[in-house]
Protein backbone atom coordinates (compact mmCIF):
# COMPACT_ATOMS: atom_id res chain seq x y z
CA MET A 1 3.39 7.37 -28.89
CA VAL A 2 1.46 10.05 -26.10
CA LEU A 3 -2.28 9.53 -27.44
CA TRP A 4 -4.38 13.69 -27.58
CA ALA A 5 -6.94 11.62 -24.64
CA ASP A 6 -3.70 10.57 -22.38
CA ALA A 7 -2.42 14.10 -22.82
CA LEU A 8 -6.16 15.48 -22.10
CA SER A 9 -6.19 13.28 -18.96
CA SER A 10 -3.04 14.82 -17.35
CA GLY A 11 -3.48 17.99 -18.23
CA LEU A 12 -7.37 17.91 -16.50
CA LEU A 13 -5.48 15.66 -13.57
CA HIS A 14 -2.64 18.92 -13.34
CA LEU A 15 -5.82 20.71 -13.19
CA LEU A 16 -7.24 19.07 -10.53
CA GLU A 17 -3.71 18.89 -8.53
CA SER A 18 -3.24 22.51 -8.53
CA GLY A 19 -6.36 23.85 -8.12
CA ALA A 20 -6.07 26.63 -10.75
CA GLU A 21 -9.36 27.59 -12.08
CA THR A 22 -11.36 25.69 -9.66
CA ASP A 23 -15.22 27.13 -10.18
CA PHE A 24 -17.22 24.41 -7.84
CA VAL A 25 -17.23 22.13 -4.82
CA LEU A 26 -18.40 19.32 -3.23
CA SER A 27 -19.28 19.65 -0.12
CA CYS A 28 -17.89 16.69 2.01
CA THR A 29 -18.23 15.48 5.70
CA ASP A 30 -15.14 16.54 6.97
CA GLY A 31 -14.39 19.40 4.44
CA ASN A 32 -14.59 20.79 0.56
CA VAL A 33 -12.74 19.20 -2.11
CA ARG A 34 -12.65 21.83 -5.20
CA CYS A 35 -13.28 21.03 -9.45
CA HIS A 36 -13.75 22.28 -12.25
CA ARG A 37 -17.78 22.16 -12.98
CA ILE A 38 -17.16 21.86 -16.88
CA VAL A 39 -15.49 18.28 -15.79
CA LEU A 40 -18.60 17.30 -13.81
CA LEU A 41 -21.13 18.62 -16.20
CA ALA A 42 -19.44 15.96 -18.55
CA GLN A 43 -20.57 12.93 -16.73
CA GLY A 44 -23.94 13.50 -18.15
CA GLY A 45 -27.50 11.82 -15.84
CA LEU A 46 -28.14 12.68 -12.56
CA LEU A 47 -24.69 14.25 -11.49
CA ALA A 48 -24.98 17.12 -14.24
CA LYS A 49 -28.40 17.81 -13.84
CA LYS A 50 -27.37 18.63 -9.72
CA VAL A 51 -24.75 19.90 -11.16
CA GLU A 52 -26.94 22.28 -13.29
CA GLU A 53 -30.08 23.22 -10.86
CA ARG A 54 -27.22 24.25 -8.39
CA LEU A 55 -25.57 26.38 -10.84
CA ALA A 56 -29.34 27.83 -11.68
CA ASP A 57 -29.41 28.66 -7.93
CA ASN A 58 -26.24 30.84 -7.99
CA VAL A 59 -24.46 27.73 -6.37
CA SER A 60 -21.67 26.38 -6.63
CA ARG A 61 -20.99 23.93 -4.37
CA LEU A 62 -22.91 20.49 -4.24
CA ASP A 63 -23.31 18.62 -0.74
CA ILE A 64 -21.94 15.12 -0.93
CA SER A 65 -21.78 14.63 2.61
CA ARG A 66 -25.49 12.99 3.36
CA LEU A 67 -23.66 10.34 1.46
CA HIS A 68 -21.45 9.95 3.53
CA ILE A 69 -18.44 11.19 1.46
CA THR A 70 -14.80 12.23 2.73
CA GLN A 71 -12.93 14.34 1.24
CA GLU A 72 -10.48 11.52 0.58
CA THR A 73 -12.97 9.69 -0.79
CA GLY A 74 -13.89 12.67 -2.83
CA LEU A 75 -10.47 13.47 -4.16
CA LEU A 76 -10.34 9.81 -5.63
CA ILE A 77 -14.11 10.05 -6.93
CA LEU A 78 -12.81 13.62 -9.02
CA GLN A 79 -9.37 12.22 -10.10
CA SER A 80 -11.66 9.06 -11.71
CA LEU A 81 -14.27 11.92 -13.45
CA TYR A 82 -10.66 13.65 -14.44
CA GLY A 83 -9.44 10.77 -15.93
CA GLY A 84 -7.18 8.52 -13.56
CA LEU A 85 -7.54 7.18 -10.08
CA LYS A 86 -4.48 8.09 -8.59
CA GLY A 87 -4.70 7.47 -5.11
CA GLN A 88 -4.26 5.14 -2.30
CA PHE A 89 -7.18 3.16 -1.96
CA ARG A 90 -8.75 1.35 1.03
CA GLY A 91 -11.94 -0.36 1.95
CA ILE A 92 -14.22 2.91 3.33
CA ASN A 93 -13.35 4.67 -0.44
CA ALA A 94 -14.50 1.77 -1.98
CA ILE A 95 -17.91 1.82 -0.02
CA GLN A 96 -17.91 5.39 -0.19
CA PHE A 97 -16.80 5.10 -3.92
CA LEU A 98 -19.83 2.77 -4.86
CA GLN A 99 -22.64 5.04 -2.78
CA PHE A 100 -21.47 8.18 -5.10
CA ALA A 101 -21.71 6.23 -8.35
CA HIS A 102 -24.82 4.70 -7.22
CA HIS A 103 -26.46 7.82 -5.90
CA PHE A 104 -25.33 9.56 -9.43
CA GLU A 105 -26.21 6.42 -11.72
CA ILE A 106 -22.24 6.35 -12.85
CA LYS A 107 -22.16 3.45 -13.51
CA TRP A 108 -18.78 3.51 -15.10
CA LEU A 109 -17.40 4.11 -12.08
CA VAL A 110 -18.39 0.76 -10.34
CA ASN A 111 -16.26 -0.63 -13.51
CA GLN A 112 -13.61 1.26 -12.70
CA LEU A 113 -13.52 0.01 -9.22
CA ASN A 114 -13.14 -3.49 -10.36
CA GLU A 115 -9.30 -4.09 -10.48
CA ARG A 116 -8.39 -2.91 -7.21
CA PHE A 117 -10.84 -4.40 -5.17
CA GLY A 118 -8.82 -7.77 -4.58
CA SER A 119 -6.79 -5.42 -2.50
CA ILE A 120 -8.88 -3.66 -0.40
CA LEU A 121 -10.57 -6.92 1.41
CA SER A 122 -9.31 -7.14 4.67
CA PRO A 123 -11.74 -8.55 7.71
CA LYS A 124 -12.86 -5.19 8.67
CA ASN A 125 -14.57 -4.21 6.07
CA VAL A 126 -15.33 -7.13 3.98
CA LEU A 127 -18.98 -7.79 5.41
CA GLN A 128 -19.66 -4.26 5.15
CA LEU A 129 -18.28 -4.24 1.11
CA ARG A 130 -20.45 -7.22 0.87
CA LYS A 131 -23.52 -5.29 1.53
CA ARG A 132 -22.41 -2.60 -0.71
CA SER A 133 -22.01 -4.60 -3.53
CA GLU A 134 -25.42 -6.56 -2.98
CA VAL A 135 -26.96 -2.91 -2.52
CA GLN A 136 -25.02 -1.10 -5.56
CA ALA A 137 -25.49 -4.00 -7.84
CA SER A 138 -21.53 -4.85 -8.29
CA PRO A 139 -21.13 -8.63 -9.37
CA HIS A 140 -17.49 -8.51 -9.36
CA LEU A 141 -16.85 -7.17 -6.01
CA LEU A 142 -19.58 -9.85 -4.81
CA LYS A 143 -17.84 -12.46 -6.34
CA LEU A 144 -14.62 -11.26 -4.53
CA VAL A 145 -16.19 -11.06 -1.44
CA GLU A 146 -16.93 -15.04 -1.36
CA GLU A 147 -13.88 -16.10 -2.74
CA TYR A 148 -12.65 -14.39 0.17
CA CYS A 149 -15.00 -15.52 2.81
CA SER A 150 -14.54 -19.09 1.25
CA ASN A 151 -10.92 -19.34 1.36
CA ASN A 152 -10.97 -18.68 4.57
CA PHE A 153 -13.11 -20.90 6.08
CA ALA A 154 -11.35 -23.56 3.97
CA ARG A 155 -8.40 -22.05 5.65
CA MET A 156 -10.27 -23.02 9.49
CA VAL A 157 -11.17 -26.62 8.09
CA GLU A 158 -7.37 -27.44 7.63
CA GLN A 159 -6.80 -26.16 11.08
CA GLY A 160 -9.47 -28.21 12.46
CA ASP A 161 -11.18 -24.79 14.13
CA LEU A 162 -15.01 -25.41 13.33
CA SER A 163 -15.68 -25.76 17.45
CA SER A 164 -15.77 -22.06 17.50
CA ALA A 165 -16.85 -21.40 13.60
CA SER A 166 -18.74 -17.87 13.51
CA LEU A 167 -19.04 -15.59 10.23
CA GLU A 168 -16.71 -13.02 11.76
CA GLY A 169 -13.84 -16.46 11.78
CA MET A 170 -14.73 -16.65 9.00
CA VAL A 171 -13.56 -13.24 7.45
CA MET A 172 -10.58 -13.19 9.46
């Protein structure tokens, strides 16, 4: 049984993907992502306020590049706002996603990431994600990062490799 909300979300995602009837732009560090202002306004809070301010100035663009948001992450954020995060997710996306959600005070976006956090941790990003989880007050991510480090520390102990123990070794 297809629910009305599912059908609406699917239709909105199709609009985003097709680019049909877009009337607003998010400016990212490496380009622009076109979207629909009604979806941004529907989020309420600071995001809606910023969009309303831009529209009052007859500007249909919001610059999010100072948050270091790339086009790739911008599209993932929009997919979430439209109702269905479908894209491939990496650690850098999570960091940018958290920055966006924190800056615009959209707490439910952080919650949407919780199910994806476990698959994005790597030696390359775990320390940065730990820092970001503290800044954005994401206890779920912080717990996953700590478990990741703890498991790798346990591996080092088992291998008897404590003579060269370091923080970098613990997360590798």
